[in-house]
Amino acid sequence: EQQKEEQEQQKEEQEQQKEEQQVVDLNVETNNSNNKSELSSLFGLLIRKIGSVSDDISLLSTNVGSLSSSVSSLEQRISILESQITVLFSFILCLFFLHLFF
């Protein structure tokens, strides 16, 4: 009879261990599911950030192109101004020499 009691006690202990293991397994599964969900959310956020950075780079590229165009236009205007100053200086020089001779 004592052997039967020991067997029943062992059986109960095994069942308790099984239940505890099931609880542990369920907790692990829940944690894995939560981790996968969080990882998926983080990947989504990362993809949105990459898209945002890509948009910023595109905008920066457009701004650099616009700035380059503005600099080129400014250089042309400076060149025209230099030419006008040269012509004006030549005209003033001619007037000065004409004044000296006449």
C-alpha atoms as a PDB file:
ATOM      1  CA  GLU A   1       0.000   0.000   0.000  1.00  0.00           C
ATOM      2  CA  GLN A   2       2.853   2.331   0.745  1.00  0.00           C
ATOM      3  CA  GLN A   3       4.196   1.621  -2.730  1.00  0.00           C
ATOM      4  CA  LYS A   4       0.843   2.571  -4.239  1.00  0.00           C
ATOM      5  CA  GLU A   5       0.877   5.830  -2.319  1.00  0.00           C
ATOM      6  CA  GLU A   6       4.388   6.550  -3.529  1.00  0.00           C
ATOM      7  CA  GLN A   7       3.335   5.813  -7.095  1.00  0.00           C
ATOM      8  CA  GLU A   8       0.330   8.095  -6.776  1.00  0.00           C
ATOM      9  CA  GLN A   9       2.511  10.798  -5.258  1.00  0.00           C
ATOM     10  CA  GLN A  10       4.990  10.393  -8.117  1.00  0.00           C
ATOM     11  CA  LYS A  11       2.116  10.578 -10.565  1.00  0.00           C
ATOM     12  CA  GLU A  12       0.830  13.770  -8.952  1.00  0.00           C
ATOM     13  CA  GLU A  13       4.327  15.255  -8.979  1.00  0.00           C
ATOM     14  CA  GLN A  14       4.680  14.361 -12.676  1.00  0.00           C
ATOM     15  CA  GLU A  15       1.322  15.942 -13.446  1.00  0.00           C
ATOM     16  CA  GLN A  16       2.291  19.050 -11.484  1.00  0.00           C
ATOM     17  CA  GLN A  17       5.591  19.198 -13.365  1.00  0.00           C
ATOM     18  CA  LYS A  18       3.693  18.814 -16.634  1.00  0.00           C
ATOM     19  CA  GLU A  19       1.367  21.671 -15.691  1.00  0.00           C
ATOM     20  CA  GLU A  20       4.296  23.843 -14.636  1.00  0.00           C
ATOM     21  CA  GLN A  21       6.076  23.045 -17.905  1.00  0.00           C
ATOM     22  CA  GLN A  22       2.916  23.922 -19.838  1.00  0.00           C
ATOM     23  CA  VAL A  23       2.781  27.279 -18.025  1.00  0.00           C
ATOM     24  CA  VAL A  24       6.457  27.891 -18.803  1.00  0.00           C
ATOM     25  CA  ASP A  25       5.915  26.902 -22.452  1.00  0.00           C
ATOM     26  CA  LEU A  26       2.895  29.202 -22.681  1.00  0.00           C
ATOM     27  CA  ASN A  27       4.913  32.077 -21.186  1.00  0.00           C
ATOM     28  CA  VAL A  28       7.757  31.452 -23.646  1.00  0.00           C
ATOM     29  CA  GLU A  29       5.310  31.327 -26.547  1.00  0.00           C
ATOM     30  CA  THR A  30       3.646  34.561 -25.393  1.00  0.00           C
ATOM     31  CA  ASN A  31       7.027  36.267 -25.016  1.00  0.00           C
ATOM     32  CA  ASN A  32       8.068  35.081 -28.478  1.00  0.00           C
ATOM     33  CA  SER A  33       4.837  36.378 -29.963  1.00  0.00           C
ATOM     34  CA  ASN A  34       5.248  39.741 -28.214  1.00  0.00           C
ATOM     35  CA  ASN A  35       8.871  39.968 -29.328  1.00  0.00           C
ATOM     36  CA  LYS A  36       7.904  39.192 -32.941  1.00  0.00           C
ATOM     37  CA  SER A  37       5.184  41.824 -32.826  1.00  0.00           C
ATOM     38  CA  GLU A  38       7.556  44.413 -31.363  1.00  0.00           C
ATOM     39  CA  LEU A  39      10.249  43.512 -33.898  1.00  0.00           C
ATOM     40  CA  SER A  40       7.743  43.841 -36.719  1.00  0.00           C
ATOM     41  CA  SER A  41       6.703  47.238 -35.400  1.00  0.00           C
ATOM     42  CA  LEU A  42      10.346  48.349 -35.166  1.00  0.00           C
ATOM     43  CA  PHE A  43      11.003  47.190 -38.740  1.00  0.00           C
ATOM     44  CA  GLY A  44       7.985  49.174 -39.897  1.00  0.00           C
ATOM     45  CA  LEU A  45       9.289  52.236 -38.092  1.00  0.00           C
ATOM     46  CA  LEU A  46      12.747  51.701 -39.598  1.00  0.00           C
ATOM     47  CA  ILE A  47      11.286  51.457 -43.105  1.00  0.00           C
ATOM     48  CA  ARG A  48       9.309  54.682 -42.571  1.00  0.00           C
ATOM     49  CA  LYS A  49      12.458  56.427 -41.282  1.00  0.00           C
ATOM     50  CA  ILE A  50      14.434  55.224 -44.307  1.00  0.00           C
ATOM     51  CA  GLY A  51      11.682  56.583 -46.552  1.00  0.00           C
ATOM     52  CA  SER A  52      11.797  59.893 -44.698  1.00  0.00           C
ATOM     53  CA  VAL A  53      15.588  60.081 -45.044  1.00  0.00           C
ATOM     54  CA  SER A  54      15.257  59.253 -48.742  1.00  0.00           C
ATOM     55  CA  ASP A  55      12.753  62.093 -49.149  1.00  0.00           C
ATOM     56  CA  ASP A  56      15.090  64.451 -47.285  1.00  0.00           C
ATOM     57  CA  ILE A  57      18.003  63.450 -49.525  1.00  0.00           C
ATOM     58  CA  SER A  58      15.866  64.010 -52.608  1.00  0.00           C
ATOM     59  CA  LEU A  59      14.831  67.450 -51.336  1.00  0.00           C
ATOM     60  CA  LEU A  60      18.455  68.265 -50.515  1.00  0.00           C
ATOM     61  CA  SER A  61      19.491  67.199 -54.007  1.00  0.00           C
ATOM     62  CA  THR A  62      16.817  69.469 -55.497  1.00  0.00           C
ATOM     63  CA  ASN A  63      17.979  72.358 -53.311  1.00  0.00           C
ATOM     64  CA  VAL A  64      21.606  71.795 -54.309  1.00  0.00           C
ATOM     65  CA  GLY A  65      20.573  71.829 -57.982  1.00  0.00           C
ATOM     66  CA  SER A  66      18.645  75.049 -57.447  1.00  0.00           C
ATOM     67  CA  LEU A  67      21.602  76.582 -55.593  1.00  0.00           C
ATOM     68  CA  SER A  68      23.952  75.540 -58.391  1.00  0.00           C
ATOM     69  CA  SER A  69      21.645  77.165 -60.934  1.00  0.00           C
ATOM     70  CA  SER A  70      21.497  80.346 -58.836  1.00  0.00           C
ATOM     71  CA  VAL A  71      25.299  80.450 -58.552  1.00  0.00           C
ATOM     72  CA  SER A  72      25.621  79.987 -62.315  1.00  0.00           C
ATOM     73  CA  SER A  73      23.129  82.812 -62.913  1.00  0.00           C
ATOM     74  CA  LEU A  74      25.024  85.020 -60.458  1.00  0.00           C
ATOM     75  CA  GLU A  75      28.300  84.266 -62.244  1.00  0.00           C
ATOM     76  CA  GLN A  76      26.715  85.275 -65.576  1.00  0.00           C
ATOM     77  CA  ARG A  77      25.451  88.523 -64.064  1.00  0.00           C
ATOM     78  CA  ILE A  78      28.903  89.282 -62.621  1.00  0.00           C
ATOM     79  CA  SER A  79      30.449  88.606 -66.021  1.00  0.00           C
ATOM     80  CA  ILE A  80      27.963  90.979 -67.705  1.00  0.00           C
ATOM     81  CA  LEU A  81      28.627  93.600 -65.020  1.00  0.00           C
ATOM     82  CA  GLU A  82      32.372  93.257 -65.558  1.00  0.00           C
ATOM     83  CA  SER A  83      31.870  93.771 -69.299  1.00  0.00           C
ATOM     84  CA  GLN A  84      29.698  96.839 -68.668  1.00  0.00           C
ATOM     85  CA  ILE A  85      32.294  98.284 -66.272  1.00  0.00           C
ATOM     86  CA  THR A  86      35.025  97.707 -68.880  1.00  0.00           C
ATOM     87  CA  VAL A  87      32.967  99.458 -71.568  1.00  0.00           C
ATOM     88  CA  LEU A  88      32.152 102.327 -69.200  1.00  0.00           C
ATOM     89  CA  PHE A  89      35.810 102.711 -68.207  1.00  0.00           C
ATOM     90  CA  SER A  90      36.833 102.699 -71.873  1.00  0.00           C
ATOM     91  CA  PHE A  91      34.188 105.324 -72.647  1.00  0.00           C
ATOM     92  CA  ILE A  92      35.368 107.528 -69.763  1.00  0.00           C
ATOM     93  CA  LEU A  93      38.973 107.125 -70.923  1.00  0.00           C
ATOM     94  CA  CYS A  94      37.981 108.116 -74.461  1.00  0.00           C
ATOM     95  CA  LEU A  95      36.134 111.173 -73.136  1.00  0.00           C
ATOM     96  CA  PHE A  96      39.179 112.123 -71.070  1.00  0.00           C
ATOM     97  CA  PHE A  97      41.509 111.934 -74.097  1.00  0.00           C
ATOM     98  CA  LEU A  98      39.010 113.807 -76.238  1.00  0.00           C
ATOM     99  CA  HIS A  99      38.861 116.500 -73.572  1.00  0.00           C
ATOM    100  CA  LEU A 100      42.653 116.744 -73.548  1.00  0.00           C
ATOM    101  CA  PHE A 101      42.931 117.166 -77.321  1.00  0.00           C
ATOM    102  CA  PHE A 102      39.904 119.403 -77.883  1.00  0.00           C
END
